[in-house]
Amino acid sequence: QVQLVESGGGLVQPGGSLRVSCSASGSILITYAMGWYRQAPGKNRELVATITSGGSTNYADSVKGRFTISRDNAKNTVYLQMNSLKPEDTAVYYCNADIRRVFGLRADYWGQGTQVTVSS
């Protein structure tokens, strides 16, 4: 089995910063790309940022220049540093990882989500 566990969400004022983390554990052979998605109430889940195992990154236009994705391959952990937060960043943030399991198939895995609320 593979599990993704997120942490670090919470309430922050507009203009503030927050960092969320996601650690993958279990029978992992290779972790390929990792990323963050978010879903606001009444909206579809959308991509926030992704990072390959080699460190190449991709961001949604709405977060470019404000958010930074990074990862620690030794710990199978991905981070999202969020600065200059806006109320429209309020959403449940989900971690995603493309993983090949030991003696298993390659598949996408999702975390349970962590709430980020930006409000004064």
C-alpha atoms as a PDB file:
ATOM      1  CA  GLN A   1       0.000   0.000   0.000  1.00  0.00           C
ATOM      2  CA  VAL A   2       0.959   3.633  -0.539  1.00  0.00           C
ATOM      3  CA  GLN A   3      -0.203   6.538   1.588  1.00  0.00           C
ATOM      4  CA  LEU A   4       0.114  10.286   1.079  1.00  0.00           C
ATOM      5  CA  VAL A   5      -0.285  12.360   4.223  1.00  0.00           C
ATOM      6  CA  GLU A   6      -0.576  16.138   4.063  1.00  0.00           C
ATOM      7  CA  SER A   7       0.038  18.622   6.842  1.00  0.00           C
ATOM      8  CA  GLY A   8       0.383  22.348   7.393  1.00  0.00           C
ATOM      9  CA  GLY A   9      -2.942  23.785   6.328  1.00  0.00           C
ATOM     10  CA  GLY A  10      -4.783  26.375   8.371  1.00  0.00           C
ATOM     11  CA  LEU A  11      -6.141  29.895   8.604  1.00  0.00           C
ATOM     12  CA  VAL A  12      -4.013  32.818   7.451  1.00  0.00           C
ATOM     13  CA  GLN A  13      -4.685  36.488   6.800  1.00  0.00           C
ATOM     14  CA  PRO A  14      -4.512  37.947   3.282  1.00  0.00           C
ATOM     15  CA  GLY A  15      -0.913  38.679   2.383  1.00  0.00           C
ATOM     16  CA  GLY A  16       0.339  36.023   4.750  1.00  0.00           C
ATOM     17  CA  SER A  17       2.310  32.844   4.145  1.00  0.00           C
ATOM     18  CA  LEU A  18       1.771  29.165   4.751  1.00  0.00           C
ATOM     19  CA  ARG A  19       3.657  25.980   3.916  1.00  0.00           C
ATOM     20  CA  VAL A  20       1.988  22.642   3.324  1.00  0.00           C
ATOM     21  CA  SER A  21       3.810  19.326   3.194  1.00  0.00           C
ATOM     22  CA  CYS A  22       2.992  15.878   1.876  1.00  0.00           C
ATOM     23  CA  SER A  23       4.883  12.682   2.627  1.00  0.00           C
ATOM     24  CA  ALA A  24       4.482   9.467   0.695  1.00  0.00           C
ATOM     25  CA  SER A  25       5.056   6.157   2.456  1.00  0.00           C
ATOM     26  CA  GLY A  26       4.592   2.466   1.862  1.00  0.00           C
ATOM     27  CA  SER A  27       5.911   0.000  -0.671  1.00  0.00           C
ATOM     28  CA  ILE A  28       7.387   2.636  -2.988  1.00  0.00           C
ATOM     29  CA  LEU A  29       9.934   1.762  -5.641  1.00  0.00           C
ATOM     30  CA  ILE A  30      10.024   5.029  -7.594  1.00  0.00           C
ATOM     31  CA  THR A  31       8.285   8.367  -7.084  1.00  0.00           C
ATOM     32  CA  TYR A  32       7.956  10.234 -10.351  1.00  0.00           C
ATOM     33  CA  ALA A  33       6.183  13.604 -10.496  1.00  0.00           C
ATOM     34  CA  MET A  34       4.552  15.045  -7.393  1.00  0.00           C
ATOM     35  CA  GLY A  35       2.167  17.929  -7.225  1.00  0.00           C
ATOM     36  CA  TRP A  36      -0.491  19.976  -5.538  1.00  0.00           C
ATOM     37  CA  TYR A  37      -4.073  20.509  -6.632  1.00  0.00           C
ATOM     38  CA  ARG A  38      -6.837  22.471  -4.971  1.00  0.00           C
ATOM     39  CA  GLN A  39     -10.597  22.505  -4.895  1.00  0.00           C
ATOM     40  CA  ALA A  40     -12.656  25.457  -3.733  1.00  0.00           C
ATOM     41  CA  PRO A  41     -16.337  25.079  -2.779  1.00  0.00           C
ATOM     42  CA  GLY A  42     -18.499  24.708  -5.869  1.00  0.00           C
ATOM     43  CA  LYS A  43     -15.516  24.507  -8.198  1.00  0.00           C
ATOM     44  CA  ASN A  44     -13.603  21.764  -9.964  1.00  0.00           C
ATOM     45  CA  ARG A  45     -10.263  20.534  -8.689  1.00  0.00           C
ATOM     46  CA  GLU A  46      -7.458  22.464 -10.383  1.00  0.00           C
ATOM     47  CA  LEU A  47      -3.719  22.081 -10.733  1.00  0.00           C
ATOM     48  CA  VAL A  48      -1.619  24.361  -8.549  1.00  0.00           C
ATOM     49  CA  ALA A  49       1.933  23.146  -9.168  1.00  0.00           C
ATOM     50  CA  THR A  50       3.897  20.048 -10.114  1.00  0.00           C
ATOM     51  CA  ILE A  51       7.518  18.972  -9.799  1.00  0.00           C
ATOM     52  CA  THR A  52       9.348  16.130 -11.506  1.00  0.00           C
ATOM     53  CA  SER A  53      11.855  13.859  -9.811  1.00  0.00           C
ATOM     54  CA  GLY A  54      14.546  15.926 -11.491  1.00  0.00           C
ATOM     55  CA  GLY A  55      13.199  19.179 -10.080  1.00  0.00           C
ATOM     56  CA  SER A  56      11.435  20.681 -13.086  1.00  0.00           C
ATOM     57  CA  THR A  57       8.426  22.696 -12.001  1.00  0.00           C
ATOM     58  CA  ASN A  58       5.139  23.853 -13.468  1.00  0.00           C
ATOM     59  CA  TYR A  59       2.704  26.357 -11.972  1.00  0.00           C
ATOM     60  CA  ALA A  60      -0.799  27.555 -12.585  1.00  0.00           C
ATOM     61  CA  ASP A  61      -0.791  31.139 -13.842  1.00  0.00           C
ATOM     62  CA  SER A  62      -2.799  32.220 -10.800  1.00  0.00           C
ATOM     63  CA  VAL A  63       0.013  31.268  -8.381  1.00  0.00           C
ATOM     64  CA  LYS A  64       3.147  32.049 -10.391  1.00  0.00           C
ATOM     65  CA  GLY A  65       5.498  34.287  -8.455  1.00  0.00           C
ATOM     66  CA  ARG A  66       3.694  33.607  -5.165  1.00  0.00           C
ATOM     67  CA  PHE A  67       3.912  29.839  -4.642  1.00  0.00           C
ATOM     68  CA  THR A  68       6.989  27.618  -4.720  1.00  0.00           C
ATOM     69  CA  ILE A  69       6.931  23.840  -4.978  1.00  0.00           C
ATOM     70  CA  SER A  70       9.903  21.770  -3.850  1.00  0.00           C
ATOM     71  CA  ARG A  71      10.638  18.188  -2.893  1.00  0.00           C
ATOM     72  CA  ASP A  72      12.977  16.013  -0.876  1.00  0.00           C
ATOM     73  CA  ASN A  73      13.433  12.819  -2.861  1.00  0.00           C
ATOM     74  CA  ALA A  74      15.126  10.998   0.013  1.00  0.00           C
ATOM     75  CA  LYS A  75      12.036  11.579   2.157  1.00  0.00           C
ATOM     76  CA  ASN A  76       9.454  11.205  -0.630  1.00  0.00           C
ATOM     77  CA  THR A  77       8.091  14.549   0.509  1.00  0.00           C
ATOM     78  CA  VAL A  78       6.783  17.496  -1.477  1.00  0.00           C
ATOM     79  CA  TYR A  79       6.291  21.010  -0.139  1.00  0.00           C
ATOM     80  CA  LEU A  80       4.278  24.010  -1.250  1.00  0.00           C
ATOM     81  CA  GLN A  81       5.376  27.374   0.078  1.00  0.00           C
ATOM     82  CA  MET A  82       2.551  29.861  -0.363  1.00  0.00           C
ATOM     83  CA  ASN A  83       3.282  33.579  -0.041  1.00  0.00           C
ATOM     84  CA  SER A  84       1.163  36.673  -0.607  1.00  0.00           C
ATOM     85  CA  LEU A  85      -1.944  34.605  -0.063  1.00  0.00           C
ATOM     86  CA  LYS A  86      -5.275  35.894  -1.338  1.00  0.00           C
ATOM     87  CA  PRO A  87      -8.835  35.015  -0.293  1.00  0.00           C
ATOM     88  CA  GLU A  88      -9.266  33.288  -3.652  1.00  0.00           C
ATOM     89  CA  ASP A  89      -6.538  30.814  -2.642  1.00  0.00           C
ATOM     90  CA  THR A  90      -8.968  29.389  -0.088  1.00  0.00           C
ATOM     91  CA  ALA A  91      -9.506  25.720  -0.917  1.00  0.00           C
ATOM     92  CA  VAL A  92      -8.786  22.172   0.094  1.00  0.00           C
ATOM     93  CA  TYR A  93      -5.277  21.401  -1.127  1.00  0.00           C
ATOM     94  CA  TYR A  94      -4.574  17.868  -2.299  1.00  0.00           C
ATOM     95  CA  CYS A  95      -1.214  16.193  -2.784  1.00  0.00           C
ATOM     96  CA  ASN A  96      -0.702  13.944  -5.798  1.00  0.00           C
ATOM     97  CA  ALA A  97       2.123  11.564  -6.651  1.00  0.00           C
ATOM     98  CA  ASP A  98       2.903   9.312  -9.595  1.00  0.00           C
ATOM     99  CA  ILE A  99       4.388   6.205  -7.968  1.00  0.00           C
ATOM    100  CA  ARG A 100       5.593   2.795  -8.995  1.00  0.00           C
ATOM    101  CA  ARG A 101       5.187   0.323  -6.173  1.00  0.00           C
ATOM    102  CA  VAL A 102       7.602  -2.445  -5.302  1.00  0.00           C
ATOM    103  CA  PHE A 103       6.469  -5.482  -7.330  1.00  0.00           C
ATOM    104  CA  GLY A 104       3.508  -3.386  -8.429  1.00  0.00           C
ATOM    105  CA  LEU A 105       2.008  -1.129 -11.032  1.00  0.00           C
ATOM    106  CA  ARG A 106       2.614   2.546 -11.582  1.00  0.00           C
ATOM    107  CA  ALA A 107      -0.363   4.682 -10.520  1.00  0.00           C
ATOM    108  CA  ASP A 108      -1.515   8.082  -9.291  1.00  0.00           C
ATOM    109  CA  TYR A 109      -2.066   8.478  -5.570  1.00  0.00           C
ATOM    110  CA  TRP A 110      -3.864  11.246  -3.690  1.00  0.00           C
ATOM    111  CA  GLY A 111      -3.720  12.585  -0.170  1.00  0.00           C
ATOM    112  CA  GLN A 112      -6.768  13.236   1.972  1.00  0.00           C
ATOM    113  CA  GLY A 113      -6.542  17.017   1.543  1.00  0.00           C
ATOM    114  CA  THR A 114      -5.716  19.876   3.872  1.00  0.00           C
ATOM    115  CA  GLN A 115      -7.823  23.010   4.256  1.00  0.00           C
ATOM    116  CA  VAL A 116      -6.250  26.387   3.551  1.00  0.00           C
ATOM    117  CA  THR A 117      -8.377  29.400   4.447  1.00  0.00           C
ATOM    118  CA  VAL A 118      -7.296  32.954   3.661  1.00  0.00           C
ATOM    119  CA  SER A 119      -9.420  35.430   5.547  1.00  0.00           C
ATOM    120  CA  SER A 120      -9.158  38.467   7.765  1.00  0.00           C
END
